[in-house]
Amino acid sequence: MKTKTMTHEQMVTRMLKNPAVRTEYDRLNREEFAILDEILAARRAAGLSQAQVAERMGTKAPAIARLESALASGKHSPSLNTLRKYAAVLGKRVEVHLV
């Protein structure tokens, strides 16, 4: 028997038809967007642009743009170390809690 090859998008579409998978997917997306909202609010409160954050982190502005868009898209999760550096530039710290 020959199996049909699916693209990633086709597989995701198929999996999201399952109500339990959809519920968990939506929950995870809400959490990631909440983190993004917090990060952007902290950057605005610090009065810093992406370029200024990048300079203080020792990187380039496109790297910060990618970091922020990665959180928005959910396609890539930045490392905890990267988030700590970003937070430190804003005078903040990262806390992780298991509940």
PDB file of N, CA and C in Angstrom:
ATOM      1  N   MET A   1       0.848  -1.186   0.000  1.00  0.00           N
ATOM      2  CA  MET A   1       0.000   0.000   0.000  1.00  0.00           C
ATOM      3  C   MET A   1       0.884   1.237   0.000  1.00  0.00           C
ATOM      4  N   LYS A   2       0.577   2.179  -0.863  1.00  0.00           N
ATOM      5  CA  LYS A   2       1.352   3.407  -0.999  1.00  0.00           C
ATOM      6  C   LYS A   2       0.739   4.501  -0.129  1.00  0.00           C
ATOM      7  N   THR A   3       1.604   5.210   0.630  1.00  0.00           N
ATOM      8  CA  THR A   3       1.100   6.303   1.467  1.00  0.00           C
ATOM      9  C   THR A   3       1.203   7.614   0.712  1.00  0.00           C
ATOM     10  N   LYS A   4       0.281   8.495   0.986  1.00  0.00           N
ATOM     11  CA  LYS A   4       0.260   9.811   0.350  1.00  0.00           C
ATOM     12  C   LYS A   4       1.166  10.757   1.124  1.00  0.00           C
ATOM     13  N   THR A   5       2.004  11.485   0.431  1.00  0.00           N
ATOM     14  CA  THR A   5       2.872  12.475   1.057  1.00  0.00           C
ATOM     15  C   THR A   5       2.107  13.785   1.204  1.00  0.00           C
ATOM     16  N   MET A   6       2.209  14.364   2.383  1.00  0.00           N
ATOM     17  CA  MET A   6       1.533  15.644   2.658  1.00  0.00           C
ATOM     18  C   MET A   6       2.566  16.723   2.921  1.00  0.00           C
ATOM     19  N   THR A   7       2.214  17.939   2.572  1.00  0.00           N
ATOM     20  CA  THR A   7       3.044  19.077   2.954  1.00  0.00           C
ATOM     21  C   THR A   7       2.772  19.367   4.422  1.00  0.00           C
ATOM     22  N   HIS A   8       3.617  20.186   5.018  1.00  0.00           N
ATOM     23  CA  HIS A   8       3.419  20.577   6.414  1.00  0.00           C
ATOM     24  C   HIS A   8       2.072  21.264   6.583  1.00  0.00           C
ATOM     25  N   GLU A   9       1.756  22.178   5.680  1.00  0.00           N
ATOM     26  CA  GLU A   9       0.490  22.917   5.774  1.00  0.00           C
ATOM     27  C   GLU A   9      -0.710  21.974   5.685  1.00  0.00           C
ATOM     28  N   GLN A  10      -0.634  20.978   4.799  1.00  0.00           N
ATOM     29  CA  GLN A  10      -1.735  20.024   4.668  1.00  0.00           C
ATOM     30  C   GLN A  10      -1.900  19.207   5.952  1.00  0.00           C
ATOM     31  N   MET A  11      -0.781  18.820   6.530  1.00  0.00           N
ATOM     32  CA  MET A  11      -0.827  18.039   7.767  1.00  0.00           C
ATOM     33  C   MET A  11      -1.419  18.876   8.906  1.00  0.00           C
ATOM     34  N   VAL A  12      -1.002  20.130   9.016  1.00  0.00           N
ATOM     35  CA  VAL A  12      -1.537  21.006  10.065  1.00  0.00           C
ATOM     36  C   VAL A  12      -3.036  21.206   9.873  1.00  0.00           C
ATOM     37  N   THR A  13      -3.454  21.469   8.655  1.00  0.00           N
ATOM     38  CA  THR A  13      -4.878  21.659   8.360  1.00  0.00           C
ATOM     39  C   THR A  13      -5.677  20.427   8.777  1.00  0.00           C
ATOM     40  N   ARG A  14      -5.151  19.267   8.440  1.00  0.00           N
ATOM     41  CA  ARG A  14      -5.828  18.016   8.788  1.00  0.00           C
ATOM     42  C   ARG A  14      -5.893  17.837  10.306  1.00  0.00           C
ATOM     43  N   MET A  15      -4.792  18.085  10.982  1.00  0.00           N
ATOM     44  CA  MET A  15      -4.754  17.900  12.433  1.00  0.00           C
ATOM     45  C   MET A  15      -5.684  18.875  13.152  1.00  0.00           C
ATOM     46  N   LEU A  16      -5.793  20.109  12.635  1.00  0.00           N
ATOM     47  CA  LEU A  16      -6.615  21.120  13.302  1.00  0.00           C
ATOM     48  C   LEU A  16      -8.109  20.854  13.174  1.00  0.00           C
ATOM     49  N   LYS A  17      -8.480  19.870  12.378  1.00  0.00           N
ATOM     50  CA  LYS A  17      -9.892  19.469  12.293  1.00  0.00           C
ATOM     51  C   LYS A  17     -10.313  18.712  13.548  1.00  0.00           C
ATOM     52  N   ASN A  18      -9.339  18.192  14.276  1.00  0.00           N
ATOM     53  CA  ASN A  18      -9.612  17.489  15.529  1.00  0.00           C
ATOM     54  C   ASN A  18      -9.858  18.549  16.611  1.00  0.00           C
ATOM     55  N   PRO A  19     -11.039  18.561  17.233  1.00  0.00           N
ATOM     56  CA  PRO A  19     -11.358  19.596  18.226  1.00  0.00           C
ATOM     57  C   PRO A  19     -10.360  19.680  19.390  1.00  0.00           C
ATOM     58  N   ALA A  20      -9.855  18.555  19.854  1.00  0.00           N
ATOM     59  CA  ALA A  20      -8.897  18.575  20.963  1.00  0.00           C
ATOM     60  C   ALA A  20      -7.584  19.226  20.530  1.00  0.00           C
ATOM     61  N   VAL A  21      -7.143  18.919  19.333  1.00  0.00           N
ATOM     62  CA  VAL A  21      -5.911  19.525  18.806  1.00  0.00           C
ATOM     63  C   VAL A  21      -6.123  21.016  18.612  1.00  0.00           C
ATOM     64  N   ARG A  22      -7.266  21.408  18.065  1.00  0.00           N
ATOM     65  CA  ARG A  22      -7.580  22.828  17.828  1.00  0.00           C
ATOM     66  C   ARG A  22      -7.585  23.597  19.142  1.00  0.00           C
ATOM     67  N   THR A  23      -8.177  23.041  20.179  1.00  0.00           N
ATOM     68  CA  THR A  23      -8.240  23.707  21.478  1.00  0.00           C
ATOM     69  C   THR A  23      -6.840  23.965  22.026  1.00  0.00           C
ATOM     70  N   GLU A  24      -5.981  22.951  21.978  1.00  0.00           N
ATOM     71  CA  GLU A  24      -4.613  23.093  22.490  1.00  0.00           C
ATOM     72  C   GLU A  24      -3.816  24.078  21.639  1.00  0.00           C
ATOM     73  N   TYR A  25      -3.982  24.015  20.330  1.00  0.00           N
ATOM     74  CA  TYR A  25      -3.302  24.933  19.407  1.00  0.00           C
ATOM     75  C   TYR A  25      -3.689  26.379  19.729  1.00  0.00           C
ATOM     76  N   ASP A  26      -4.970  26.617  19.910  1.00  0.00           N
ATOM     77  CA  ASP A  26      -5.443  27.972  20.229  1.00  0.00           C
ATOM     78  C   ASP A  26      -4.909  28.450  21.574  1.00  0.00           C
ATOM     79  N   ARG A  27      -4.863  27.541  22.570  1.00  0.00           N
ATOM     80  CA  ARG A  27      -4.348  27.901  23.888  1.00  0.00           C
ATOM     81  C   ARG A  27      -2.879  28.304  23.806  1.00  0.00           C
ATOM     82  N   LEU A  28      -2.094  27.533  23.087  1.00  0.00           N
ATOM     83  CA  LEU A  28      -0.670  27.852  22.935  1.00  0.00           C
ATOM     84  C   LEU A  28      -0.471  29.174  22.214  1.00  0.00           C
ATOM     85  N   ASN A  29      -1.260  29.432  21.192  1.00  0.00           N
ATOM     86  CA  ASN A  29      -1.142  30.699  20.464  1.00  0.00           C
ATOM     87  C   ASN A  29      -1.486  31.887  21.353  1.00  0.00           C
ATOM     88  N   ARG A  30      -2.498  31.752  22.192  1.00  0.00           N
ATOM     89  CA  ARG A  30      -2.854  32.843  23.117  1.00  0.00           C
ATOM     90  C   ARG A  30      -1.690  33.147  24.053  1.00  0.00           C
ATOM     91  N   GLU A  31      -1.032  32.097  24.561  1.00  0.00           N
ATOM     92  CA  GLU A  31       0.101  32.296  25.456  1.00  0.00           C
ATOM     93  C   GLU A  31       1.243  33.014  24.749  1.00  0.00           C
ATOM     94  N   GLU A  32       1.546  32.607  23.513  1.00  0.00           N
ATOM     95  CA  GLU A  32       2.651  33.239  22.780  1.00  0.00           C
ATOM     96  C   GLU A  32       2.329  34.691  22.458  1.00  0.00           C
ATOM     97  N   PHE A  33       1.083  34.980  22.094  1.00  0.00           N
ATOM     98  CA  PHE A  33       0.720  36.363  21.814  1.00  0.00           C
ATOM     99  C   PHE A  33       0.772  37.205  23.079  1.00  0.00           C
ATOM    100  N   ALA A  34       0.437  36.616  24.219  1.00  0.00           N
ATOM    101  CA  ALA A  34       0.516  37.351  25.485  1.00  0.00           C
ATOM    102  C   ALA A  34       1.964  37.720  25.779  1.00  0.00           C
ATOM    103  N   ILE A  35       2.889  36.802  25.515  1.00  0.00           N
ATOM    104  CA  ILE A  35       4.311  37.085  25.723  1.00  0.00           C
ATOM    105  C   ILE A  35       4.759  38.198  24.780  1.00  0.00           C
ATOM    106  N   LEU A  36       4.345  38.108  23.519  1.00  0.00           N
ATOM    107  CA  LEU A  36       4.705  39.152  22.556  1.00  0.00           C
ATOM    108  C   LEU A  36       4.169  40.504  22.999  1.00  0.00           C
ATOM    109  N   ASP A  37       2.919  40.555  23.433  1.00  0.00           N
ATOM    110  CA  ASP A  37       2.331  41.815  23.901  1.00  0.00           C
ATOM    111  C   ASP A  37       3.137  42.398  25.053  1.00  0.00           C
ATOM    112  N   GLU A  38       3.564  41.527  25.974  1.00  0.00           N
ATOM    113  CA  GLU A  38       4.360  41.979  27.120  1.00  0.00           C
ATOM    114  C   GLU A  38       5.705  42.550  26.670  1.00  0.00           C
ATOM    115  N   ILE A  39       6.347  41.852  25.752  1.00  0.00           N
ATOM    116  CA  ILE A  39       7.658  42.279  25.255  1.00  0.00           C
ATOM    117  C   ILE A  39       7.552  43.631  24.546  1.00  0.00           C
ATOM    118  N   LEU A  40       6.562  43.764  23.677  1.00  0.00           N
ATOM    119  CA  LEU A  40       6.406  45.026  22.934  1.00  0.00           C
ATOM    120  C   LEU A  40       6.029  46.169  23.868  1.00  0.00           C
ATOM    121  N   ALA A  41       5.174  45.887  24.854  1.00  0.00           N
ATOM    122  CA  ALA A  41       4.796  46.931  25.813  1.00  0.00           C
ATOM    123  C   ALA A  41       6.012  47.375  26.629  1.00  0.00           C
ATOM    124  N   ALA A  42       6.851  46.417  27.018  1.00  0.00           N
ATOM    125  CA  ALA A  42       8.053  46.759  27.793  1.00  0.00           C
ATOM    126  C   ALA A  42       9.022  47.587  26.951  1.00  0.00           C
ATOM    127  N   ARG A  43       9.155  47.248  25.668  1.00  0.00           N
ATOM    128  CA  ARG A  43      10.056  48.021  24.793  1.00  0.00           C
ATOM    129  C   ARG A  43       9.530  49.444  24.627  1.00  0.00           C
ATOM    130  N   ARG A  44       8.225  49.575  24.421  1.00  0.00           N
ATOM    131  CA  ARG A  44       7.623  50.914  24.288  1.00  0.00           C
ATOM    132  C   ARG A  44       7.787  51.708  25.581  1.00  0.00           C
ATOM    133  N   ALA A  45       7.541  51.063  26.718  1.00  0.00           N
ATOM    134  CA  ALA A  45       7.674  51.739  28.016  1.00  0.00           C
ATOM    135  C   ALA A  45       9.101  52.200  28.256  1.00  0.00           C
ATOM    136  N   ALA A  46      10.066  51.435  27.749  1.00  0.00           N
ATOM    137  CA  ALA A  46      11.476  51.821  27.889  1.00  0.00           C
ATOM    138  C   ALA A  46      11.853  52.898  26.874  1.00  0.00           C
ATOM    139  N   GLY A  47      10.943  53.167  25.928  1.00  0.00           N
ATOM    140  CA  GLY A  47      11.201  54.191  24.919  1.00  0.00           C
ATOM    141  C   GLY A  47      12.293  53.806  23.934  1.00  0.00           C
ATOM    142  N   LEU A  48      12.428  52.518  23.658  1.00  0.00           N
ATOM    143  CA  LEU A  48      13.493  52.055  22.779  1.00  0.00           C
ATOM    144  C   LEU A  48      12.948  51.516  21.454  1.00  0.00           C
ATOM    145  N   SER A  49      13.695  51.767  20.404  1.00  0.00           N
ATOM    146  CA  SER A  49      13.369  51.197  19.100  1.00  0.00           C
ATOM    147  C   SER A  49      14.014  49.818  18.993  1.00  0.00           C
ATOM    148  N   GLN A  50      13.645  49.075  17.972  1.00  0.00           N
ATOM    149  CA  GLN A  50      14.292  47.786  17.737  1.00  0.00           C
ATOM    150  C   GLN A  50      15.794  47.977  17.548  1.00  0.00           C
ATOM    151  N   ALA A  51      16.165  49.021  16.830  1.00  0.00           N
ATOM    152  CA  ALA A  51      17.589  49.282  16.581  1.00  0.00           C
ATOM    153  C   ALA A  51      18.342  49.560  17.876  1.00  0.00           C
ATOM    154  N   GLN A  52      17.716  50.300  18.780  1.00  0.00           N
ATOM    155  CA  GLN A  52      18.368  50.604  20.058  1.00  0.00           C
ATOM    156  C   GLN A  52      18.517  49.347  20.918  1.00  0.00           C
ATOM    157  N   VAL A  53      17.486  48.507  20.923  1.00  0.00           N
ATOM    158  CA  VAL A  53      17.568  47.248  21.665  1.00  0.00           C
ATOM    159  C   VAL A  53      18.678  46.390  21.069  1.00  0.00           C
ATOM    160  N   ALA A  54      18.726  46.314  19.756  1.00  0.00           N
ATOM    161  CA  ALA A  54      19.744  45.512  19.076  1.00  0.00           C
ATOM    162  C   ALA A  54      21.144  45.982  19.437  1.00  0.00           C
ATOM    163  N   GLU A  55      21.349  47.282  19.386  1.00  0.00           N
ATOM    164  CA  GLU A  55      22.678  47.831  19.697  1.00  0.00           C
ATOM    165  C   GLU A  55      23.098  47.453  21.114  1.00  0.00           C
ATOM    166  N   ARG A  56      22.182  47.579  22.044  1.00  0.00           N
ATOM    167  CA  ARG A  56      22.495  47.270  23.446  1.00  0.00           C
ATOM    168  C   ARG A  56      22.698  45.774  23.689  1.00  0.00           C
ATOM    169  N   MET A  57      22.103  44.951  22.813  1.00  0.00           N
ATOM    170  CA  MET A  57      22.281  43.502  22.928  1.00  0.00           C
ATOM    171  C   MET A  57      23.507  43.026  22.158  1.00  0.00           C
ATOM    172  N   GLY A  58      24.112  43.940  21.388  1.00  0.00           N
ATOM    173  CA  GLY A  58      25.265  43.554  20.585  1.00  0.00           C
ATOM    174  C   GLY A  58      24.892  42.802  19.327  1.00  0.00           C
ATOM    175  N   THR A  59      23.740  43.143  18.767  1.00  0.00           N
ATOM    176  CA  THR A  59      23.286  42.489  17.539  1.00  0.00           C
ATOM    177  C   THR A  59      22.769  43.559  16.579  1.00  0.00           C
ATOM    178  N   LYS A  60      22.115  43.146  15.513  1.00  0.00           N
ATOM    179  CA  LYS A  60      21.591  44.069  14.499  1.00  0.00           C
ATOM    180  C   LYS A  60      20.069  44.170  14.610  1.00  0.00           C
ATOM    181  N   ALA A  61      19.524  45.281  14.145  1.00  0.00           N
ATOM    182  CA  ALA A  61      18.077  45.516  14.210  1.00  0.00           C
ATOM    183  C   ALA A  61      17.265  44.402  13.540  1.00  0.00           C
ATOM    184  N   PRO A  62      17.700  43.860  12.381  1.00  0.00           N
ATOM    185  CA  PRO A  62      16.905  42.780  11.782  1.00  0.00           C
ATOM    186  C   PRO A  62      16.762  41.553  12.695  1.00  0.00           C
ATOM    187  N   ALA A  63      17.757  41.317  13.540  1.00  0.00           N
ATOM    188  CA  ALA A  63      17.668  40.189  14.478  1.00  0.00           C
ATOM    189  C   ALA A  63      16.551  40.424  15.488  1.00  0.00           C
ATOM    190  N   ILE A  64      16.387  41.651  15.930  1.00  0.00           N
ATOM    191  CA  ILE A  64      15.318  41.978  16.882  1.00  0.00           C
ATOM    192  C   ILE A  64      13.971  41.910  16.182  1.00  0.00           C
ATOM    193  N   ALA A  65      13.917  42.384  14.950  1.00  0.00           N
ATOM    194  CA  ALA A  65      12.673  42.290  14.178  1.00  0.00           C
ATOM    195  C   ALA A  65      12.281  40.818  14.005  1.00  0.00           C
ATOM    196  N   ARG A  66      13.268  39.962  13.715  1.00  0.00           N
ATOM    197  CA  ARG A  66      12.990  38.522  13.572  1.00  0.00           C
ATOM    198  C   ARG A  66      12.515  37.924  14.894  1.00  0.00           C
ATOM    199  N   LEU A  67      13.137  38.325  15.991  1.00  0.00           N
ATOM    200  CA  LEU A  67      12.742  37.836  17.311  1.00  0.00           C
ATOM    201  C   LEU A  67      11.282  38.176  17.587  1.00  0.00           C
ATOM    202  N   GLU A  68      10.932  39.435  17.379  1.00  0.00           N
ATOM    203  CA  GLU A  68       9.560  39.875  17.649  1.00  0.00           C
ATOM    204  C   GLU A  68       8.572  39.219  16.689  1.00  0.00           C
ATOM    205  N   SER A  69       8.936  39.079  15.421  1.00  0.00           N
ATOM    206  CA  SER A  69       8.010  38.453  14.471  1.00  0.00           C
ATOM    207  C   SER A  69       7.923  36.949  14.698  1.00  0.00           C
ATOM    208  N   ALA A  70       9.002  36.333  15.196  1.00  0.00           N
ATOM    209  CA  ALA A  70       8.965  34.901  15.509  1.00  0.00           C
ATOM    210  C   ALA A  70       7.949  34.634  16.606  1.00  0.00           C
ATOM    211  N   LEU A  71       7.894  35.498  17.587  1.00  0.00           N
ATOM    212  CA  LEU A  71       6.919  35.348  18.657  1.00  0.00           C
ATOM    213  C   LEU A  71       5.502  35.542  18.123  1.00  0.00           C
ATOM    214  N   ALA A  72       5.356  36.449  17.166  1.00  0.00           N
ATOM    215  CA  ALA A  72       4.036  36.710  16.591  1.00  0.00           C
ATOM    216  C   ALA A  72       3.565  35.552  15.728  1.00  0.00           C
ATOM    217  N   SER A  73       4.495  34.950  14.999  1.00  0.00           N
ATOM    218  CA  SER A  73       4.105  33.887  14.076  1.00  0.00           C
ATOM    219  C   SER A  73       4.052  32.519  14.740  1.00  0.00           C
ATOM    220  N   GLY A  74       4.803  32.364  15.829  1.00  0.00           N
ATOM    221  CA  GLY A  74       4.859  31.065  16.479  1.00  0.00           C
ATOM    222  C   GLY A  74       5.689  30.041  15.728  1.00  0.00           C
ATOM    223  N   LYS A  75       6.387  30.487  14.689  1.00  0.00           N
ATOM    224  CA  LYS A  75       7.170  29.555  13.874  1.00  0.00           C
ATOM    225  C   LYS A  75       8.520  29.229  14.499  1.00  0.00           C
ATOM    226  N   HIS A  76       8.946  30.043  15.421  1.00  0.00           N
ATOM    227  CA  HIS A  76      10.232  29.806  16.064  1.00  0.00           C
ATOM    228  C   HIS A  76      10.153  30.374  17.477  1.00  0.00           C
ATOM    229  N   SER A  77      10.677  29.632  18.399  1.00  0.00           N
ATOM    230  CA  SER A  77      10.705  30.115  19.776  1.00  0.00           C
ATOM    231  C   SER A  77      12.120  30.533  20.121  1.00  0.00           C
ATOM    232  N   PRO A  78      12.301  31.788  20.525  1.00  0.00           N
ATOM    233  CA  PRO A  78      13.643  32.232  20.900  1.00  0.00           C
ATOM    234  C   PRO A  78      14.119  31.506  22.147  1.00  0.00           C
ATOM    235  N   SER A  79      15.408  31.419  22.299  1.00  0.00           N
ATOM    236  CA  SER A  79      15.962  30.755  23.484  1.00  0.00           C
ATOM    237  C   SER A  79      15.687  31.600  24.724  1.00  0.00           C
ATOM    238  N   LEU A  80      15.709  30.945  25.858  1.00  0.00           N
ATOM    239  CA  LEU A  80      15.530  31.643  27.130  1.00  0.00           C
ATOM    240  C   LEU A  80      16.657  32.653  27.328  1.00  0.00           C
ATOM    241  N   ASN A  81      17.853  32.303  26.911  1.00  0.00           N
ATOM    242  CA  ASN A  81      18.997  33.218  27.019  1.00  0.00           C
ATOM    243  C   ASN A  81      18.764  34.499  26.205  1.00  0.00           C
ATOM    244  N   THR A  82      18.227  34.352  24.997  1.00  0.00           N
ATOM    245  CA  THR A  82      17.934  35.527  24.162  1.00  0.00           C
ATOM    246  C   THR A  82      16.883  36.404  24.826  1.00  0.00           C
ATOM    247  N   LEU A  83      15.846  35.784  25.357  1.00  0.00           N
ATOM    248  CA  LEU A  83      14.802  36.557  26.038  1.00  0.00           C
ATOM    249  C   LEU A  83      15.355  37.267  27.272  1.00  0.00           C
ATOM    250  N   ARG A  84      16.276  36.620  27.976  1.00  0.00           N
ATOM    251  CA  ARG A  84      16.895  37.266  29.141  1.00  0.00           C
ATOM    252  C   ARG A  84      17.689  38.501  28.725  1.00  0.00           C
ATOM    253  N   LYS A  85      18.451  38.387  27.645  1.00  0.00           N
ATOM    254  CA  LYS A  85      19.228  39.537  27.160  1.00  0.00           C
ATOM    255  C   LYS A  85      18.299  40.678  26.749  1.00  0.00           C
ATOM    256  N   TYR A  86      17.249  40.340  26.031  1.00  0.00           N
ATOM    257  CA  TYR A  86      16.270  41.336  25.587  1.00  0.00           C
ATOM    258  C   TYR A  86      15.665  42.028  26.808  1.00  0.00           C
ATOM    259  N   ALA A  87      15.235  41.234  27.782  1.00  0.00           N
ATOM    260  CA  ALA A  87      14.623  41.789  28.992  1.00  0.00           C
ATOM    261  C   ALA A  87      15.600  42.677  29.749  1.00  0.00           C
ATOM    262  N   ALA A  88      16.848  42.263  29.847  1.00  0.00           N
ATOM    263  CA  ALA A  88      17.857  43.036  30.583  1.00  0.00           C
ATOM    264  C   ALA A  88      18.039  44.415  29.966  1.00  0.00           C
ATOM    265  N   VAL A  89      18.015  44.494  28.641  1.00  0.00           N
ATOM    266  CA  VAL A  89      18.140  45.787  27.956  1.00  0.00           C
ATOM    267  C   VAL A  89      17.005  46.712  28.362  1.00  0.00           C
ATOM    268  N   LEU A  90      15.838  46.136  28.635  1.00  0.00           N
ATOM    269  CA  LEU A  90      14.664  46.931  29.001  1.00  0.00           C
ATOM    270  C   LEU A  90      14.571  47.161  30.510  1.00  0.00           C
ATOM    271  N   GLY A  91      15.577  46.690  31.240  1.00  0.00           N
ATOM    272  CA  GLY A  91      15.536  46.829  32.690  1.00  0.00           C
ATOM    273  C   GLY A  91      14.579  45.858  33.344  1.00  0.00           C
ATOM    274  N   LYS A  92      14.335  44.757  32.679  1.00  0.00           N
ATOM    275  CA  LYS A  92      13.399  43.738  33.180  1.00  0.00           C
ATOM    276  C   LYS A  92      14.139  42.425  33.347  1.00  0.00           C
ATOM    277  N   ARG A  93      13.424  41.416  33.824  1.00  0.00           N
ATOM    278  CA  ARG A  93      13.969  40.061  33.887  1.00  0.00           C
ATOM    279  C   ARG A  93      12.872  39.094  33.456  1.00  0.00           C
ATOM    280  N   VAL A  94      13.287  37.920  33.046  1.00  0.00           N
ATOM    281  CA  VAL A  94      12.340  36.884  32.625  1.00  0.00           C
ATOM    282  C   VAL A  94      12.110  35.948  33.800  1.00  0.00           C
ATOM    283  N   GLU A  95      10.856  35.637  34.049  1.00  0.00           N
ATOM    284  CA  GLU A  95      10.504  34.648  35.060  1.00  0.00           C
ATOM    285  C   GLU A  95       9.671  33.570  34.389  1.00  0.00           C
ATOM    286  N   VAL A  96       9.987  32.325  34.678  1.00  0.00           N
ATOM    287  CA  VAL A  96       9.244  31.201  34.148  1.00  0.00           C
ATOM    288  C   VAL A  96       8.597  30.477  35.326  1.00  0.00           C
ATOM    289  N   HIS A  97       7.313  30.216  35.217  1.00  0.00           N
ATOM    290  CA  HIS A  97       6.578  29.547  36.294  1.00  0.00           C
ATOM    291  C   HIS A  97       5.847  28.348  35.739  1.00  0.00           C
ATOM    292  N   LEU A  98       5.877  27.255  36.455  1.00  0.00           N
ATOM    293  CA  LEU A  98       5.078  26.098  36.113  1.00  0.00           C
ATOM    294  C   LEU A  98       3.832  26.126  37.000  1.00  0.00           C
ATOM    295  N   VAL A  99       2.666  26.005  36.390  1.00  0.00           N
ATOM    296  CA  VAL A  99       1.425  26.058  37.152  1.00  0.00           C
ATOM    297  C   VAL A  99       0.603  24.819  36.883  1.00  0.00           C
TER     298      VAL A  99
END
